[in-house]
Amino acid sequence: MDNVINLRQARKAKMRDEKERLAQANRAKFGRSKAERLETEAGEARRVRALDGARREKEGPDAS
């Protein structure tokens, strides 16, 4: 019996750790600035345009 722990304090510490883990996940998911979001969207649009421009056959009604 060398380590006596207070169960109330242990329970509260566990809840704090769980809240911090959830907060970190939310920061990673939603914590980007508007500039970072716009930069990502612009990069994605640039990638799509480059990919579409490199197509060999055009899609559409006039393609034969």
PDB file of N, CA and C in Angstrom:
ATOM      1  N   MET A   1       0.841  -1.185   0.000  1.00  0.00           N
ATOM      2  CA  MET A   1       0.000   0.000   0.000  1.00  0.00           C
ATOM      3  C   MET A   1       0.883   1.245   0.000  1.00  0.00           C
ATOM      4  N   ASP A   2       1.743   1.342  -0.966  1.00  0.00           N
ATOM      5  CA  ASP A   2       2.649   2.488  -0.940  1.00  0.00           C
ATOM      6  C   ASP A   2       2.119   3.678  -1.730  1.00  0.00           C
ATOM      7  N   ASN A   3       1.189   3.498  -2.676  1.00  0.00           N
ATOM      8  CA  ASN A   3       0.652   4.640  -3.419  1.00  0.00           C
ATOM      9  C   ASN A   3      -0.837   4.776  -3.141  1.00  0.00           C
ATOM     10  N   VAL A   4      -1.193   5.796  -2.399  1.00  0.00           N
ATOM     11  CA  VAL A   4      -2.596   6.078  -2.122  1.00  0.00           C
ATOM     12  C   VAL A   4      -3.012   7.206  -3.059  1.00  0.00           C
ATOM     13  N   ILE A   5      -4.085   6.963  -3.821  1.00  0.00           N
ATOM     14  CA  ILE A   5      -4.549   7.994  -4.747  1.00  0.00           C
ATOM     15  C   ILE A   5      -5.965   8.397  -4.392  1.00  0.00           C
ATOM     16  N   ASN A   6      -6.251   9.632  -4.639  1.00  0.00           N
ATOM     17  CA  ASN A   6      -7.586  10.147  -4.431  1.00  0.00           C
ATOM     18  C   ASN A   6      -8.365   9.890  -5.718  1.00  0.00           C
ATOM     19  N   LEU A   7      -9.407   9.077  -5.648  1.00  0.00           N
ATOM     20  CA  LEU A   7     -10.147   8.696  -6.846  1.00  0.00           C
ATOM     21  C   LEU A   7     -10.830   9.886  -7.504  1.00  0.00           C
ATOM     22  N   ARG A   8     -11.299  10.827  -6.733  1.00  0.00           N
ATOM     23  CA  ARG A   8     -11.937  12.027  -7.288  1.00  0.00           C
ATOM     24  C   ARG A   8     -10.931  12.811  -8.124  1.00  0.00           C
ATOM     25  N   GLN A   9      -9.735  12.986  -7.587  1.00  0.00           N
ATOM     26  CA  GLN A   9      -8.710  13.714  -8.332  1.00  0.00           C
ATOM     27  C   GLN A   9      -8.275  12.948  -9.569  1.00  0.00           C
ATOM     28  N   ALA A  10      -8.178  11.632  -9.474  1.00  0.00           N
ATOM     29  CA  ALA A  10      -7.797  10.823 -10.625  1.00  0.00           C
ATOM     30  C   ALA A  10      -8.863  10.915 -11.713  1.00  0.00           C
ATOM     31  N   ARG A  11     -10.133  10.882 -11.320  1.00  0.00           N
ATOM     32  CA  ARG A  11     -11.225  10.977 -12.291  1.00  0.00           C
ATOM     33  C   ARG A  11     -11.210  12.333 -12.987  1.00  0.00           C
ATOM     34  N   LYS A  12     -10.997  13.393 -12.227  1.00  0.00           N
ATOM     35  CA  LYS A  12     -10.948  14.730 -12.817  1.00  0.00           C
ATOM     36  C   LYS A  12      -9.738  14.880 -13.743  1.00  0.00           C
ATOM     37  N   ALA A  13      -8.617  14.304 -13.377  1.00  0.00           N
ATOM     38  CA  ALA A  13      -7.420  14.375 -14.225  1.00  0.00           C
ATOM     39  C   ALA A  13      -7.674  13.631 -15.533  1.00  0.00           C
ATOM     40  N   LYS A  14      -8.350  12.490 -15.447  1.00  0.00           N
ATOM     41  CA  LYS A  14      -8.664  11.723 -16.647  1.00  0.00           C
ATOM     42  C   LYS A  14      -9.600  12.522 -17.552  1.00  0.00           C
ATOM     43  N   MET A  15     -10.588  13.207 -16.986  1.00  0.00           N
ATOM     44  CA  MET A  15     -11.514  14.022 -17.780  1.00  0.00           C
ATOM     45  C   MET A  15     -10.772  15.179 -18.439  1.00  0.00           C
ATOM     46  N   ARG A  16      -9.840  15.809 -17.715  1.00  0.00           N
ATOM     47  CA  ARG A  16      -9.057  16.910 -18.292  1.00  0.00           C
ATOM     48  C   ARG A  16      -8.212  16.413 -19.462  1.00  0.00           C
ATOM     49  N   ASP A  17      -7.604  15.248 -19.303  1.00  0.00           N
ATOM     50  CA  ASP A  17      -6.793  14.680 -20.386  1.00  0.00           C
ATOM     51  C   ASP A  17      -7.641  14.384 -21.613  1.00  0.00           C
ATOM     52  N   GLU A  18      -8.852  13.855 -21.404  1.00  0.00           N
ATOM     53  CA  GLU A  18      -9.746  13.549 -22.516  1.00  0.00           C
ATOM     54  C   GLU A  18     -10.182  14.840 -23.223  1.00  0.00           C
ATOM     55  N   LYS A  19     -10.489  15.877 -22.459  1.00  0.00           N
ATOM     56  CA  LYS A  19     -10.880  17.153 -23.056  1.00  0.00           C
ATOM     57  C   LYS A  19      -9.735  17.754 -23.852  1.00  0.00           C
ATOM     58  N   GLU A  20      -8.520  17.636 -23.347  1.00  0.00           N
ATOM     59  CA  GLU A  20      -7.358  18.168 -24.064  1.00  0.00           C
ATOM     60  C   GLU A  20      -7.130  17.406 -25.359  1.00  0.00           C
ATOM     61  N   ARG A  21      -7.306  16.079 -25.345  1.00  0.00           N
ATOM     62  CA  ARG A  21      -7.153  15.278 -26.553  1.00  0.00           C
ATOM     63  C   ARG A  21      -8.186  15.691 -27.598  1.00  0.00           C
ATOM     64  N   LEU A  22      -9.422  15.906 -27.172  1.00  0.00           N
ATOM     65  CA  LEU A  22     -10.473  16.338 -28.079  1.00  0.00           C
ATOM     66  C   LEU A  22     -10.182  17.745 -28.622  1.00  0.00           C
ATOM     67  N   ALA A  23      -9.683  18.619 -27.762  1.00  0.00           N
ATOM     68  CA  ALA A  23      -9.355  19.982 -28.187  1.00  0.00           C
ATOM     69  C   ALA A  23      -8.241  19.963 -29.233  1.00  0.00           C
ATOM     70  N   GLN A  24      -7.256  19.108 -29.056  1.00  0.00           N
ATOM     71  CA  GLN A  24      -6.177  19.014 -30.037  1.00  0.00           C
ATOM     72  C   GLN A  24      -6.705  18.529 -31.380  1.00  0.00           C
ATOM     73  N   ALA A  25      -7.605  17.580 -31.350  1.00  0.00           N
ATOM     74  CA  ALA A  25      -8.186  17.079 -32.600  1.00  0.00           C
ATOM     75  C   ALA A  25      -8.971  18.186 -33.291  1.00  0.00           C
ATOM     76  N   ASN A  26      -9.736  18.968 -32.533  1.00  0.00           N
ATOM     77  CA  ASN A  26     -10.509  20.065 -33.114  1.00  0.00           C
ATOM     78  C   ASN A  26      -9.609  21.166 -33.649  1.00  0.00           C
ATOM     79  N   ARG A  27      -8.503  21.452 -32.951  1.00  0.00           N
ATOM     80  CA  ARG A  27      -7.570  22.467 -33.446  1.00  0.00           C
ATOM     81  C   ARG A  27      -6.968  22.027 -34.769  1.00  0.00           C
ATOM     82  N   ALA A  28      -6.664  20.755 -34.884  1.00  0.00           N
ATOM     83  CA  ALA A  28      -6.097  20.254 -36.142  1.00  0.00           C
ATOM     84  C   ALA A  28      -7.132  20.299 -37.254  1.00  0.00           C
ATOM     85  N   LYS A  29      -8.377  20.060 -36.911  1.00  0.00           N
ATOM     86  CA  LYS A  29      -9.427  20.002 -37.929  1.00  0.00           C
ATOM     87  C   LYS A  29      -9.921  21.384 -38.336  1.00  0.00           C
ATOM     88  N   PHE A  30     -10.133  22.272 -37.374  1.00  0.00           N
ATOM     89  CA  PHE A  30     -10.761  23.560 -37.648  1.00  0.00           C
ATOM     90  C   PHE A  30      -9.847  24.759 -37.421  1.00  0.00           C
ATOM     91  N   GLY A  31      -8.644  24.554 -36.977  1.00  0.00           N
ATOM     92  CA  GLY A  31      -7.812  25.663 -36.520  1.00  0.00           C
ATOM     93  C   GLY A  31      -6.959  26.328 -37.567  1.00  0.00           C
ATOM     94  N   ARG A  32      -7.397  26.351 -38.811  1.00  0.00           N
ATOM     95  CA  ARG A  32      -6.597  27.018 -39.836  1.00  0.00           C
ATOM     96  C   ARG A  32      -7.122  28.432 -40.054  1.00  0.00           C
ATOM     97  N   SER A  33      -6.228  29.342 -40.379  1.00  0.00           N
ATOM     98  CA  SER A  33      -6.642  30.713 -40.641  1.00  0.00           C
ATOM     99  C   SER A  33      -7.289  30.799 -42.016  1.00  0.00           C
ATOM    100  N   LYS A  34      -7.952  31.915 -42.262  1.00  0.00           N
ATOM    101  CA  LYS A  34      -8.614  32.110 -43.557  1.00  0.00           C
ATOM    102  C   LYS A  34      -7.582  32.088 -44.685  1.00  0.00           C
ATOM    103  N   ALA A  35      -6.425  32.685 -44.459  1.00  0.00           N
ATOM    104  CA  ALA A  35      -5.375  32.708 -45.480  1.00  0.00           C
ATOM    105  C   ALA A  35      -4.905  31.287 -45.807  1.00  0.00           C
ATOM    106  N   GLU A  36      -4.749  30.451 -44.783  1.00  0.00           N
ATOM    107  CA  GLU A  36      -4.331  29.071 -45.024  1.00  0.00           C
ATOM    108  C   GLU A  36      -5.393  28.298 -45.805  1.00  0.00           C
ATOM    109  N   ARG A  37      -6.668  28.510 -45.455  1.00  0.00           N
ATOM    110  CA  ARG A  37      -7.742  27.841 -46.184  1.00  0.00           C
ATOM    111  C   ARG A  37      -7.774  28.283 -47.640  1.00  0.00           C
ATOM    112  N   LEU A  38      -7.653  29.600 -47.880  1.00  0.00           N
ATOM    113  CA  LEU A  38      -7.675  30.108 -49.251  1.00  0.00           C
ATOM    114  C   LEU A  38      -6.483  29.604 -50.051  1.00  0.00           C
ATOM    115  N   GLU A  39      -5.327  29.511 -49.408  1.00  0.00           N
ATOM    116  CA  GLU A  39      -4.128  29.012 -50.086  1.00  0.00           C
ATOM    117  C   GLU A  39      -4.320  27.546 -50.489  1.00  0.00           C
ATOM    118  N   THR A  40      -4.894  26.763 -49.604  1.00  0.00           N
ATOM    119  CA  THR A  40      -5.149  25.355 -49.911  1.00  0.00           C
ATOM    120  C   THR A  40      -6.144  25.223 -51.056  1.00  0.00           C
ATOM    121  N   GLU A  41      -7.215  26.013 -51.020  1.00  0.00           N
ATOM    122  CA  GLU A  41      -8.220  25.971 -52.079  1.00  0.00           C
ATOM    123  C   GLU A  41      -7.630  26.406 -53.414  1.00  0.00           C
ATOM    124  N   ALA A  42      -6.791  27.439 -53.411  1.00  0.00           N
ATOM    125  CA  ALA A  42      -6.163  27.913 -54.640  1.00  0.00           C
ATOM    126  C   ALA A  42      -5.220  26.851 -55.202  1.00  0.00           C
ATOM    127  N   GLY A  43      -4.469  26.194 -54.340  1.00  0.00           N
ATOM    128  CA  GLY A  43      -3.575  25.126 -54.786  1.00  0.00           C
ATOM    129  C   GLY A  43      -4.344  23.965 -55.389  1.00  0.00           C
ATOM    130  N   GLU A  44      -5.470  23.621 -54.767  1.00  0.00           N
ATOM    131  CA  GLU A  44      -6.305  22.544 -55.302  1.00  0.00           C
ATOM    132  C   GLU A  44      -6.885  22.936 -56.660  1.00  0.00           C
ATOM    133  N   ALA A  45      -7.348  24.184 -56.808  1.00  0.00           N
ATOM    134  CA  ALA A  45      -7.897  24.652 -58.087  1.00  0.00           C
ATOM    135  C   ALA A  45      -6.808  24.651 -59.165  1.00  0.00           C
ATOM    136  N   ARG A  46      -5.604  25.061 -58.787  1.00  0.00           N
ATOM    137  CA  ARG A  46      -4.483  25.081 -59.728  1.00  0.00           C
ATOM    138  C   ARG A  46      -4.142  23.652 -60.174  1.00  0.00           C
ATOM    139  N   ARG A  47      -4.181  22.709 -59.240  1.00  0.00           N
ATOM    140  CA  ARG A  47      -3.894  21.322 -59.563  1.00  0.00           C
ATOM    141  C   ARG A  47      -4.953  20.750 -60.512  1.00  0.00           C
ATOM    142  N   VAL A  48      -6.220  21.074 -60.279  1.00  0.00           N
ATOM    143  CA  VAL A  48      -7.305  20.583 -61.136  1.00  0.00           C
ATOM    144  C   VAL A  48      -7.188  21.176 -62.539  1.00  0.00           C
ATOM    145  N   ARG A  49      -6.880  22.481 -62.630  1.00  0.00           N
ATOM    146  CA  ARG A  49      -6.727  23.107 -63.942  1.00  0.00           C
ATOM    147  C   ARG A  49      -5.578  22.482 -64.715  1.00  0.00           C
ATOM    148  N   ALA A  50      -4.461  22.228 -64.048  1.00  0.00           N
ATOM    149  CA  ALA A  50      -3.309  21.629 -64.713  1.00  0.00           C
ATOM    150  C   ALA A  50      -3.638  20.217 -65.183  1.00  0.00           C
ATOM    151  N   LEU A  51      -4.360  19.485 -64.381  1.00  0.00           N
ATOM    152  CA  LEU A  51      -4.733  18.134 -64.760  1.00  0.00           C
ATOM    153  C   LEU A  51      -5.708  18.141 -65.930  1.00  0.00           C
ATOM    154  N   ASP A  52      -6.691  19.035 -65.911  1.00  0.00           N
ATOM    155  CA  ASP A  52      -7.650  19.131 -67.010  1.00  0.00           C
ATOM    156  C   ASP A  52      -6.984  19.621 -68.296  1.00  0.00           C
ATOM    157  N   GLY A  53      -6.010  20.497 -68.175  1.00  0.00           N
ATOM    158  CA  GLY A  53      -5.318  21.011 -69.349  1.00  0.00           C
ATOM    159  C   GLY A  53      -4.419  19.973 -69.996  1.00  0.00           C
ATOM    160  N   ALA A  54      -4.050  18.944 -69.264  1.00  0.00           N
ATOM    161  CA  ALA A  54      -3.160  17.925 -69.794  1.00  0.00           C
ATOM    162  C   ALA A  54      -3.914  16.736 -70.372  1.00  0.00           C
ATOM    163  N   ARG A  55      -5.222  16.817 -70.437  1.00  0.00           N
ATOM    164  CA  ARG A  55      -6.015  15.709 -70.988  1.00  0.00           C
ATOM    165  C   ARG A  55      -5.741  15.560 -72.489  1.00  0.00           C
ATOM    166  N   ARG A  56      -5.740  14.345 -72.940  1.00  0.00           N
ATOM    167  CA  ARG A  56      -5.522  14.079 -74.359  1.00  0.00           C
ATOM    168  C   ARG A  56      -6.815  14.214 -75.139  1.00  0.00           C
ATOM    169  N   GLU A  57      -7.890  13.742 -74.567  1.00  0.00           N
ATOM    170  CA  GLU A  57      -9.191  13.814 -75.241  1.00  0.00           C
ATOM    171  C   GLU A  57     -10.101  14.728 -74.464  1.00  0.00           C
ATOM    172  N   LYS A  58     -10.761  15.589 -75.175  1.00  0.00           N
ATOM    173  CA  LYS A  58     -11.700  16.500 -74.532  1.00  0.00           C
ATOM    174  C   LYS A  58     -13.019  15.779 -74.323  1.00  0.00           C
ATOM    175  N   GLU A  59     -13.640  16.026 -73.186  1.00  0.00           N
ATOM    176  CA  GLU A  59     -14.944  15.447 -72.912  1.00  0.00           C
ATOM    177  C   GLU A  59     -15.999  16.447 -73.300  1.00  0.00           C
ATOM    178  N   GLY A  60     -17.164  15.984 -73.711  1.00  0.00           N
ATOM    179  CA  GLY A  60     -18.254  16.883 -74.042  1.00  0.00           C
ATOM    180  C   GLY A  60     -19.007  16.408 -75.262  1.00  0.00           C
ATOM    181  N   PRO A  61     -20.023  17.158 -75.667  1.00  0.00           N
ATOM    182  CA  PRO A  61     -20.858  16.753 -76.800  1.00  0.00           C
ATOM    183  C   PRO A  61     -20.150  16.810 -78.145  1.00  0.00           C
ATOM    184  N   ASP A  62     -19.131  17.684 -78.307  1.00  0.00           N
ATOM    185  CA  ASP A  62     -18.458  17.823 -79.593  1.00  0.00           C
ATOM    186  C   ASP A  62     -17.295  16.826 -79.747  1.00  0.00           C
ATOM    187  N   ALA A  63     -17.000  16.050 -78.735  1.00  0.00           N
ATOM    188  CA  ALA A  63     -15.908  15.071 -78.813  1.00  0.00           C
ATOM    189  C   ALA A  63     -16.360  13.876 -79.644  1.00  0.00           C
ATOM    190  N   SER A  64     -15.507  13.449 -80.562  1.00  0.00           N
ATOM    191  CA  SER A  64     -15.859  12.319 -81.429  1.00  0.00           C
ATOM    192  C   SER A  64     -14.892  11.179 -81.231  1.00  0.00           C
TER     193      SER A  64
END
